[in-house]
């Protein structure tokens, strides 16, 4: 069976809460980035937007580490962890751009990196986008029997992110966030159920 049943044990409540907190922090970073390159370049003394992205994805790791090593998670776990690595790599590259004040040097560096496909493609194109978002999507599929609405929201939010740009990304991640809140049943207490178990919807 590809999908987990609604009786399956899932990560502890604290790991689910950290996951949601990570998505909130990540979306906040996305909001700052979408305020425009001028805003991003003028951040001081650090690049807050990209630091928020890094902190956000790091909060996702405990959840990924507690997923069952079976079924769809055999794909979801490595994709999510790889996506987290790609997001961090993207942020490191963007930190370098943020630190450069000379426009000519910045343009020369951008041209060099774009031409260096083994760096640009995985860390700036498909890694933090396709891989990361697939890694976010797949774990939600295993919650389908526990929360159909939550999983559908995550799927729809992922599609918005894939086909949209800029503020559509923010909207997409907010939809994914809402979907996971339903998936994790965080609107109801866990009292009376074994730790890590999700009640069916």
Protein backbone atom coordinates (compact mmCIF):
# COMPACT_ATOMS: atom_id res chain seq x y z
CA UNK A 1 0.00 0.00 0.00
CA UNK A 2 1.45 3.35 -1.04
CA UNK A 3 -0.46 5.55 1.40
CA UNK A 4 -0.41 5.21 5.16
CA UNK A 5 -3.67 4.20 6.81
CA UNK A 6 -5.25 6.59 9.29
CA UNK A 7 -4.14 4.24 12.08
CA UNK A 8 -0.47 4.64 11.21
CA UNK A 9 1.87 6.28 13.67
CA UNK A 10 3.21 9.59 12.50
CA UNK A 11 5.82 11.98 13.93
CA UNK A 12 5.25 13.27 17.46
CA UNK A 13 3.14 16.39 17.99
CA UNK A 14 6.24 18.48 18.77
CA UNK A 15 7.80 17.48 15.42
CA UNK A 16 4.59 18.43 13.62
CA UNK A 17 4.50 21.78 15.44
CA UNK A 18 8.15 22.43 14.51
CA UNK A 19 7.28 21.59 10.90
CA UNK A 20 4.44 24.12 10.87
CA UNK A 21 6.66 26.72 12.58
CA UNK A 22 9.30 26.08 9.92
CA UNK A 23 6.78 26.67 7.14
CA UNK A 24 5.64 29.91 8.81
CA UNK A 25 9.24 31.14 9.06
CA UNK A 26 9.94 30.07 5.48
CA UNK A 27 6.86 31.89 4.16
CA UNK A 28 7.94 35.02 6.09
CA UNK A 29 11.27 34.87 4.27
CA UNK A 30 9.42 34.49 0.96
CA UNK A 31 7.38 37.61 1.76
CA UNK A 32 10.55 39.65 2.40
CA UNK A 33 12.14 38.41 -0.82
CA UNK A 34 9.05 39.39 -2.81
CA UNK A 35 9.28 42.96 -1.54
CA UNK A 36 11.82 43.35 -4.32
CA UNK A 37 15.58 43.21 -4.94
CA UNK A 38 15.98 46.76 -3.69
CA UNK A 39 14.59 45.80 -0.29
CA UNK A 40 16.67 42.61 -0.16
CA UNK A 41 19.90 44.40 -1.01
CA UNK A 42 19.33 47.09 1.62
CA UNK A 43 18.81 44.69 4.51
CA UNK A 44 21.35 45.26 7.29
CA UNK A 45 23.31 44.10 9.17
CA UNK A 46 22.31 40.70 7.71
CA UNK A 47 20.16 39.38 4.90
CA UNK A 48 17.12 38.64 7.04
CA UNK A 49 15.04 37.20 4.19
CA UNK A 50 17.44 34.39 3.34
CA UNK A 51 18.28 33.68 6.98
CA UNK A 52 14.56 33.14 7.54
CA UNK A 53 14.51 30.66 4.65
CA UNK A 54 17.40 28.72 6.18
CA UNK A 55 15.93 28.66 9.69
CA UNK A 56 12.55 27.68 8.25
CA UNK A 57 13.83 24.65 6.34
CA UNK A 58 15.98 23.52 9.29
CA UNK A 59 12.80 23.31 11.39
CA UNK A 60 11.47 20.74 8.88
CA UNK A 61 14.26 18.23 9.56
CA UNK A 62 12.90 16.64 12.79
CA UNK A 63 9.62 15.82 11.01
CA UNK A 64 11.44 14.26 8.06
CA UNK A 65 13.58 12.23 10.44
CA UNK A 66 10.54 10.72 12.18
CA UNK A 67 8.56 9.67 9.09
CA UNK A 68 8.09 5.90 8.69
CA UNK A 69 10.74 4.30 6.46
CA UNK A 70 8.18 2.72 4.18
CA UNK A 71 5.72 3.31 1.35
CA UNK A 72 5.67 6.80 -0.14
CA UNK A 73 8.06 8.09 2.52
CA UNK A 74 10.90 6.14 0.91
CA UNK A 75 10.74 8.84 -1.79
CA UNK A 76 9.50 11.72 0.35
CA UNK A 77 12.23 11.64 3.01
CA UNK A 78 15.25 11.88 0.67
CA UNK A 79 13.49 14.44 -1.55
CA UNK A 80 12.61 16.66 1.40
CA UNK A 81 16.11 16.44 2.90
CA UNK A 82 17.71 17.05 -0.50
CA UNK A 83 15.35 20.00 -1.07
CA UNK A 84 16.37 21.46 2.30
CA UNK A 85 20.02 21.17 1.25
CA UNK A 86 19.30 22.87 -2.07
CA UNK A 87 17.46 25.74 -0.35
CA UNK A 88 20.41 26.27 1.99
CA UNK A 89 22.80 26.23 -0.99
CA UNK A 90 20.63 28.78 -2.81
CA UNK A 91 20.68 31.03 0.25
CA UNK A 92 24.48 30.85 0.48
CA UNK A 93 24.73 31.98 -3.14
CA UNK A 94 22.25 34.79 -2.47
CA UNK A 95 24.24 35.82 0.62
CA UNK A 96 27.24 36.35 -1.68
CA UNK A 97 25.17 38.49 -4.05
CA UNK A 98 23.80 40.49 -1.07
CA UNK A 99 27.34 41.16 0.19
CA UNK A 100 28.54 42.60 -3.14
CA UNK A 101 27.85 46.31 -3.59
CA UNK A 102 29.61 46.77 -6.93
CA UNK A 103 26.97 46.36 -9.68
CA UNK A 104 29.51 45.35 -12.31
CA UNK A 105 31.04 42.67 -10.10
CA UNK A 106 27.58 41.39 -9.19
CA UNK A 107 26.62 41.13 -12.88
CA UNK A 108 29.89 39.36 -13.71
CA UNK A 109 29.34 36.86 -10.90
CA UNK A 110 25.75 36.23 -12.01
CA UNK A 111 26.88 35.62 -15.61
CA UNK A 112 29.59 33.24 -14.43
CA UNK A 113 27.24 31.23 -12.19
CA UNK A 114 24.51 31.02 -14.83
CA UNK A 115 27.09 29.65 -17.25
CA UNK A 116 28.24 27.14 -14.62
CA UNK A 117 25.22 24.87 -14.91
CA UNK A 118 26.44 22.32 -12.32
CA UNK A 119 26.00 25.06 -9.70
CA UNK A 120 23.20 27.21 -11.11
CA UNK A 121 20.78 24.47 -12.16
CA UNK A 122 20.64 22.41 -8.92
CA UNK A 123 20.95 25.27 -6.43
CA UNK A 124 19.07 28.08 -8.17
CA UNK A 125 16.58 26.38 -10.51
CA UNK A 126 15.19 22.89 -9.92
CA UNK A 127 16.67 22.10 -6.48
CA UNK A 128 14.98 24.69 -4.24
CA UNK A 129 11.88 24.64 -6.44
CA UNK A 130 11.01 21.24 -7.91
CA UNK A 131 12.88 18.99 -5.46
CA UNK A 132 11.95 20.94 -2.34
CA UNK A 133 8.28 21.21 -3.26
CA UNK A 134 8.03 17.52 -4.16
CA UNK A 135 9.58 16.80 -0.78
CA UNK A 136 6.88 18.92 0.87
CA UNK A 137 4.09 17.33 -1.15
CA UNK A 138 4.76 13.60 -0.80
CA UNK A 139 4.43 13.29 3.01
CA UNK A 140 1.00 14.94 2.80
CA UNK A 141 -0.27 12.18 0.51
CA UNK A 142 0.08 9.69 3.36
CA UNK A 143 -2.38 11.78 5.41
CA UNK A 144 -5.11 11.54 2.79
CA UNK A 145 -7.26 9.13 4.80
CA UNK A 146 -6.85 11.24 7.92
CA UNK A 147 -7.55 14.59 6.21
CA UNK A 148 -8.62 14.64 2.58
CA UNK A 149 -9.12 18.41 2.67
CA UNK A 150 -5.60 18.96 4.03
CA UNK A 151 -3.96 16.81 1.36
CA UNK A 152 -5.98 18.44 -1.43
CA UNK A 153 -4.89 21.87 -0.17
CA UNK A 154 -1.24 20.81 -0.17
CA UNK A 155 -1.56 19.48 -3.73
CA UNK A 156 -3.29 22.67 -4.90
CA UNK A 157 -0.77 24.91 -3.12
CA UNK A 158 2.10 23.01 -4.72
CA UNK A 159 0.56 23.52 -8.16
CA UNK A 160 0.23 27.26 -7.47
CA UNK A 161 3.93 27.39 -6.55
CA UNK A 162 4.97 25.42 -9.64
CA UNK A 163 3.00 27.45 -12.20
CA UNK A 164 3.25 30.84 -10.46
CA UNK A 165 6.03 33.23 -9.56
CA UNK A 166 6.71 35.92 -6.96
CA UNK A 167 3.63 36.55 -4.82
CA UNK A 168 1.92 33.45 -6.20
CA UNK A 169 4.68 31.50 -4.44
CA UNK A 170 3.72 33.12 -1.14
CA UNK A 171 0.05 32.28 -1.73
CA UNK A 172 0.98 28.71 -2.67
CA UNK A 173 3.06 28.19 0.47
CA UNK A 174 0.25 29.62 2.62
CA UNK A 175 -2.13 27.07 1.08
CA UNK A 176 0.39 24.29 1.74
CA UNK A 177 0.71 25.53 5.32
CA UNK A 178 -3.06 25.43 5.81
CA UNK A 179 -3.16 21.94 4.34
CA UNK A 180 -0.58 20.62 6.77
CA UNK A 181 -2.37 22.20 9.75
CA UNK A 182 -5.37 20.06 8.75
CA UNK A 183 -3.19 17.02 7.99
CA UNK A 184 -1.63 17.22 11.43
CA UNK A 185 -4.98 17.74 13.15
CA UNK A 186 -3.43 20.66 15.07
CA UNK A 187 -6.83 22.33 15.44
CA UNK A 188 -7.82 19.55 17.84
CA UNK A 189 -6.00 18.29 20.96
CA UNK A 190 -4.14 14.96 20.88
CA UNK A 191 -5.62 13.87 24.20
CA UNK A 192 -6.83 10.29 24.34
CA UNK A 193 -4.72 9.10 21.39
CA UNK A 194 -1.32 7.44 21.35
CA UNK A 195 1.56 9.83 20.65
CA UNK A 196 2.07 10.45 16.96
CA UNK A 197 -1.27 8.99 15.86
CA UNK A 198 -3.65 11.01 13.73
CA UNK A 199 -7.36 10.66 14.15
CA UNK A 200 -9.35 10.14 10.94
CA UNK A 201 -11.47 12.94 9.48
